[in-house]
């Protein structure tokens, strides 16, 4: 069996460096042994500075705090679920499901339940599969792929997004209508002119509801998603994927809808970590 060496964590290295220099390790008062010269202090800072940065980079973000009805499940179970509930062959073969709020039971036929169980049979015990099926058949459940624990920012983003879906599902009809009217207004606003030279001469205008461009990431996915399904607009708005003018327009032109959205986002963000950034 291969062995592995464990190096001292950055924080421990930093503590050792500071312990070797009492003049920097103490705050207030006179150090018992002053450093002999500014050059020595500068030399220590050249060592301690990178160590501090290394310690900061090595911090592990805290896991979001799950609420009742929120579950971490095996990635394989969520992938099998996604393939089972979509009747389109292409979608079943290319399903990718990292988390979702289940507003109803999507495993509602024996055919779907069979499609769900089949790929799991070789990797999980029957009791585990029954437990997965039970949770994924529960209306109101919020499920997350356990693999998201390896990417805490993504876990926070998915959790916040799906919690906003849950908040929307709990709205009264008049509240839901308020949000829908604000969405319709923002989505139907005229496109904004842009300098074609900045876009290789290909476009001269962009949608009012436009996602923030992130270097290295193709754009357009979120714009298409919210155009096809209005209920995705506010969860993605909470994730911070749109350009600032979208939130500003909601706040200024639709203050009641904005207040309702703001309450939903605040409730959804409790214990979720920083899920409002799109990296």
Protein backbone atom coordinates (compact mmCIF):
# COMPACT_ATOMS: atom_id res chain seq x y z
CA UNK A 1 0.00 0.00 0.00
CA UNK A 2 1.41 3.36 -0.98
CA UNK A 3 2.21 5.71 1.85
CA UNK A 4 1.73 9.45 1.85
CA UNK A 5 3.53 12.15 3.70
CA UNK A 6 1.57 14.78 5.57
CA UNK A 7 3.13 18.22 5.58
CA UNK A 8 2.42 20.78 8.25
CA UNK A 9 -0.65 22.89 7.43
CA UNK A 10 -0.06 26.52 6.44
CA UNK A 11 -1.53 27.80 9.70
CA UNK A 12 0.96 25.72 11.69
CA UNK A 13 3.87 27.04 9.65
CA UNK A 14 2.69 30.58 10.21
CA UNK A 15 2.36 30.01 13.95
CA UNK A 16 5.89 28.61 14.08
CA UNK A 17 7.25 31.64 12.25
CA UNK A 18 5.49 34.03 14.58
CA UNK A 19 6.61 32.11 17.65
CA UNK A 20 10.20 32.55 16.50
CA UNK A 21 9.73 36.31 16.47
CA UNK A 22 8.22 37.56 19.76
CA UNK A 23 8.34 41.15 18.54
CA UNK A 24 5.71 40.30 15.90
CA UNK A 25 3.79 37.68 17.82
CA UNK A 26 2.79 40.06 20.65
CA UNK A 27 0.34 42.91 20.34
CA UNK A 28 0.81 45.97 22.54
CA UNK A 29 3.55 46.55 25.09
CA UNK A 30 7.25 46.11 24.63
CA UNK A 31 8.56 42.77 23.36
CA UNK A 32 10.88 41.03 25.79
CA UNK A 33 13.64 40.76 23.18
CA UNK A 34 13.61 43.56 20.59
CA UNK A 35 14.67 42.66 17.08
CA UNK A 36 18.19 43.97 16.52
CA UNK A 37 17.51 45.93 13.36
CA UNK A 38 14.76 46.86 10.86
CA UNK A 39 16.40 44.54 8.35
CA UNK A 40 15.65 41.55 10.57
CA UNK A 41 12.02 42.60 10.91
CA UNK A 42 11.73 43.01 7.14
CA UNK A 43 13.30 39.61 6.59
CA UNK A 44 10.75 37.98 8.87
CA UNK A 45 7.90 39.72 7.11
CA UNK A 46 9.17 38.36 3.80
CA UNK A 47 8.72 34.89 5.28
CA UNK A 48 5.52 35.44 7.27
CA UNK A 49 3.66 37.33 4.52
CA UNK A 50 3.55 34.46 2.03
CA UNK A 51 2.72 32.08 4.89
CA UNK A 52 -0.29 34.17 5.84
CA UNK A 53 -1.48 34.19 2.24
CA UNK A 54 -0.96 30.43 2.04
CA UNK A 55 -2.94 29.94 5.24
CA UNK A 56 -5.80 32.05 3.87
CA UNK A 57 -5.84 30.09 0.61
CA UNK A 58 -5.94 26.81 2.51
CA UNK A 59 -9.03 27.63 4.56
CA UNK A 60 -11.94 25.25 4.06
CA UNK A 61 -15.28 26.98 3.70
CA UNK A 62 -17.83 25.83 6.28
CA UNK A 63 -20.51 23.49 5.02
CA UNK A 64 -23.95 25.07 4.62
CA UNK A 65 -26.39 24.27 7.41
CA UNK A 66 -29.18 22.08 6.08
CA UNK A 67 -32.73 22.59 7.29
CA UNK A 68 -35.40 19.90 7.85
CA UNK A 69 -36.48 18.49 4.51
CA UNK A 70 -33.07 19.10 2.90
CA UNK A 71 -31.03 16.00 2.09
CA UNK A 72 -27.61 15.10 0.73
CA UNK A 73 -27.86 12.00 -1.46
CA UNK A 74 -25.39 9.93 -3.44
CA UNK A 75 -24.58 11.50 -6.80
CA UNK A 76 -25.57 8.26 -8.52
CA UNK A 77 -29.06 8.45 -7.02
CA UNK A 78 -29.65 11.95 -8.37
CA UNK A 79 -28.31 11.02 -11.80
CA UNK A 80 -30.58 7.97 -11.91
CA UNK A 81 -33.50 10.17 -10.83
CA UNK A 82 -32.84 12.70 -13.61
CA UNK A 83 -32.75 9.98 -16.24
CA UNK A 84 -35.84 8.24 -14.89
CA UNK A 85 -38.18 11.22 -14.78
CA UNK A 86 -37.41 12.69 -18.22
CA UNK A 87 -39.22 10.90 -21.01
CA UNK A 88 -36.92 12.30 -23.68
CA UNK A 89 -34.27 9.79 -24.73
CA UNK A 90 -31.55 12.40 -25.28
CA UNK A 91 -32.20 13.99 -21.88
CA UNK A 92 -32.06 10.60 -20.15
CA UNK A 93 -28.69 9.83 -21.72
CA UNK A 94 -27.17 13.22 -20.89
CA UNK A 95 -28.83 13.96 -17.56
CA UNK A 96 -26.92 15.98 -15.01
CA UNK A 97 -28.71 16.73 -11.77
CA UNK A 98 -26.84 18.27 -8.83
CA UNK A 99 -29.80 19.31 -6.76
CA UNK A 100 -33.40 20.37 -6.87
CA UNK A 101 -36.55 21.32 -5.01
CA UNK A 102 -39.20 18.68 -5.66
CA UNK A 103 -42.52 20.48 -5.74
CA UNK A 104 -44.29 17.19 -6.53
CA UNK A 105 -43.60 13.47 -6.85
CA UNK A 106 -41.88 12.99 -10.21
CA UNK A 107 -41.41 9.22 -9.71
CA UNK A 108 -45.13 8.83 -10.22
CA UNK A 109 -45.28 5.73 -12.42
CA UNK A 110 -43.95 2.21 -12.04
CA UNK A 111 -42.03 2.64 -15.29
CA UNK A 112 -40.15 5.65 -13.90
CA UNK A 113 -39.48 3.91 -10.60
CA UNK A 114 -38.09 0.92 -12.48
CA UNK A 115 -35.83 3.16 -14.56
CA UNK A 116 -34.64 4.76 -11.34
CA UNK A 117 -33.80 1.51 -9.53
CA UNK A 118 -32.10 -0.31 -12.39
CA UNK A 119 -28.77 1.61 -12.58
CA UNK A 120 -28.45 1.62 -8.78
CA UNK A 121 -28.89 -2.11 -8.23
CA UNK A 122 -25.24 -3.01 -8.72
CA UNK A 123 -23.84 -0.30 -6.42
CA UNK A 124 -26.28 -0.02 -3.51
CA UNK A 125 -28.13 -2.27 -1.10
CA UNK A 126 -31.91 -2.64 -1.61
CA UNK A 127 -32.56 -0.72 1.60
CA UNK A 128 -30.45 2.20 0.41
CA UNK A 129 -32.27 2.29 -2.92
CA UNK A 130 -35.64 2.28 -1.13
CA UNK A 131 -34.48 5.20 1.01
CA UNK A 132 -33.36 7.15 -2.06
CA UNK A 133 -36.67 6.45 -3.75
CA UNK A 134 -38.63 7.51 -0.68
CA UNK A 135 -36.84 10.86 -0.40
CA UNK A 136 -36.98 11.55 -4.14
CA UNK A 137 -40.72 10.84 -4.15
CA UNK A 138 -41.50 13.27 -1.32
CA UNK A 139 -43.18 16.50 -2.45
CA UNK A 140 -41.44 19.46 -0.86
CA UNK A 141 -38.08 17.74 -0.42
CA UNK A 142 -34.89 19.57 -1.37
CA UNK A 143 -32.17 17.19 -2.51
CA UNK A 144 -28.49 17.83 -3.15
CA UNK A 145 -25.71 15.69 -4.61
CA UNK A 146 -23.25 14.64 -1.93
CA UNK A 147 -20.41 15.34 -4.35
CA UNK A 148 -21.14 19.04 -3.89
CA UNK A 149 -19.33 18.80 -0.56
CA UNK A 150 -16.12 18.87 -2.59
CA UNK A 151 -17.06 22.29 -3.97
CA UNK A 152 -18.49 24.40 -1.16
CA UNK A 153 -19.14 27.54 -3.27
CA UNK A 154 -21.13 25.46 -5.76
CA UNK A 155 -23.00 23.75 -2.92
CA UNK A 156 -23.94 27.16 -1.49
CA UNK A 157 -25.06 28.35 -4.94
CA UNK A 158 -27.26 25.32 -5.61
CA UNK A 159 -28.74 25.38 -2.10
CA UNK A 160 -29.64 29.08 -2.31
CA UNK A 161 -31.13 28.61 -5.79
CA UNK A 162 -33.34 25.69 -4.78
CA UNK A 163 -34.45 27.35 -1.55
CA UNK A 164 -35.72 30.32 -3.56
CA UNK A 165 -37.72 27.85 -5.67
CA UNK A 166 -39.19 26.50 -2.43
CA UNK A 167 -40.07 30.00 -1.23
CA UNK A 168 -41.81 30.71 -4.55
CA UNK A 169 -43.82 27.51 -4.24
CA UNK A 170 -45.16 28.74 -0.89
CA UNK A 171 -46.38 32.10 -2.21
CA UNK A 172 -50.03 33.09 -2.32
CA UNK A 173 -51.46 33.44 -5.86
CA UNK A 174 -51.50 37.25 -5.65
CA UNK A 175 -47.83 37.27 -4.57
CA UNK A 176 -46.84 34.93 -7.38
CA UNK A 177 -48.71 37.15 -9.82
CA UNK A 178 -46.83 40.19 -8.56
CA UNK A 179 -43.50 38.52 -9.30
CA UNK A 180 -44.69 37.31 -12.69
CA UNK A 181 -45.76 40.79 -13.81
CA UNK A 182 -42.39 42.25 -12.81
CA UNK A 183 -40.65 39.45 -14.71
CA UNK A 184 -42.77 40.06 -17.82
CA UNK A 185 -41.91 43.75 -17.79
CA UNK A 186 -38.16 43.20 -17.42
CA UNK A 187 -37.98 40.43 -20.02
CA UNK A 188 -39.94 42.43 -22.61
CA UNK A 189 -37.90 45.62 -22.38
CA UNK A 190 -36.19 46.78 -25.59
CA UNK A 191 -32.67 45.58 -26.21
CA UNK A 192 -29.85 47.95 -25.36
CA UNK A 193 -27.49 49.23 -28.07
CA UNK A 194 -23.81 48.30 -27.84
CA UNK A 195 -20.75 49.15 -29.87
CA UNK A 196 -20.42 46.41 -32.53
CA UNK A 197 -16.65 46.82 -32.43
CA UNK A 198 -16.69 45.41 -28.89
CA UNK A 199 -18.45 42.29 -30.15
CA UNK A 200 -16.44 41.55 -33.31
CA UNK A 201 -19.12 43.25 -35.40
CA UNK A 202 -21.58 40.44 -34.72
CA UNK A 203 -24.16 42.22 -32.57
CA UNK A 204 -25.34 45.78 -32.09
CA UNK A 205 -27.68 45.26 -29.13
CA UNK A 206 -28.07 43.00 -26.09
CA UNK A 207 -31.10 41.93 -24.01
CA UNK A 208 -32.05 44.07 -21.04
CA UNK A 209 -31.96 40.92 -18.88
CA UNK A 210 -28.41 39.86 -19.64
CA UNK A 211 -26.13 37.66 -17.61
CA UNK A 212 -22.81 38.91 -16.34
CA UNK A 213 -19.98 37.83 -18.58
CA UNK A 214 -17.32 35.82 -16.79
CA UNK A 215 -13.96 35.28 -18.53
CA UNK A 216 -13.56 31.70 -19.69
CA UNK A 217 -17.25 30.84 -19.41
CA UNK A 218 -19.60 30.82 -22.42
CA UNK A 219 -22.51 33.20 -21.94
CA UNK A 220 -26.19 32.90 -22.66
CA UNK A 221 -27.26 29.86 -20.64
CA UNK A 222 -29.06 31.79 -17.90
CA UNK A 223 -30.75 34.12 -20.38
CA UNK A 224 -32.20 31.13 -22.22
CA UNK A 225 -33.21 29.42 -18.98
CA UNK A 226 -35.23 32.38 -17.68
CA UNK A 227 -36.75 33.08 -21.09
CA UNK A 228 -38.09 29.52 -21.24
CA UNK A 229 -39.29 29.32 -17.63
CA UNK A 230 -40.20 32.40 -15.62
CA UNK A 231 -39.86 30.55 -12.30
CA UNK A 232 -36.09 30.36 -12.88
CA UNK A 233 -35.70 34.15 -12.98
CA UNK A 234 -35.73 34.90 -9.26
CA UNK A 235 -33.55 31.94 -8.19
CA UNK A 236 -30.92 32.98 -10.75
CA UNK A 237 -31.30 36.61 -9.69
CA UNK A 238 -30.49 35.49 -6.14
CA UNK A 239 -27.38 33.75 -7.49
CA UNK A 240 -26.21 37.08 -8.89
CA UNK A 241 -25.86 35.93 -12.48
CA UNK A 242 -27.38 39.00 -14.15
CA UNK A 243 -25.90 42.41 -14.80
CA UNK A 244 -26.62 44.93 -11.99
CA UNK A 245 -29.21 46.89 -13.99
CA UNK A 246 -31.66 43.97 -13.69
CA UNK A 247 -31.81 44.08 -9.89
CA UNK A 248 -31.79 47.89 -9.95
CA UNK A 249 -34.80 47.96 -12.29
CA UNK A 250 -36.69 45.48 -10.12
CA UNK A 251 -36.01 47.61 -7.02
CA UNK A 252 -36.90 50.96 -8.63
CA UNK A 253 -39.72 50.06 -11.03
CA UNK A 254 -41.34 47.21 -9.08
CA UNK A 255 -40.76 47.97 -5.38
CA UNK A 256 -43.43 45.55 -4.09
CA UNK A 257 -42.03 42.68 -6.15
CA UNK A 258 -38.53 43.62 -5.03
CA UNK A 259 -39.50 43.56 -1.34
CA UNK A 260 -41.08 40.14 -1.81
CA UNK A 261 -38.00 38.86 -3.63
CA UNK A 262 -35.71 40.34 -0.97
CA UNK A 263 -37.57 38.50 1.79
CA UNK A 264 -37.39 35.22 -0.15
CA UNK A 265 -33.67 35.62 -0.73
CA UNK A 266 -32.95 36.50 2.91
CA UNK A 267 -34.84 33.43 4.12
CA UNK A 268 -33.11 31.23 1.59
CA UNK A 269 -29.64 32.53 2.44
CA UNK A 270 -29.77 31.61 6.13
CA UNK A 271 -27.01 29.08 6.69
CA UNK A 272 -26.47 28.63 2.95
CA UNK A 273 -23.12 30.38 2.72
CA UNK A 274 -22.29 32.71 -0.14
CA UNK A 275 -24.45 31.40 -2.96
CA UNK A 276 -25.00 34.76 -4.56
CA UNK A 277 -21.95 34.81 -6.80
CA UNK A 278 -21.65 33.28 -10.21
CA UNK A 279 -18.04 32.32 -10.79
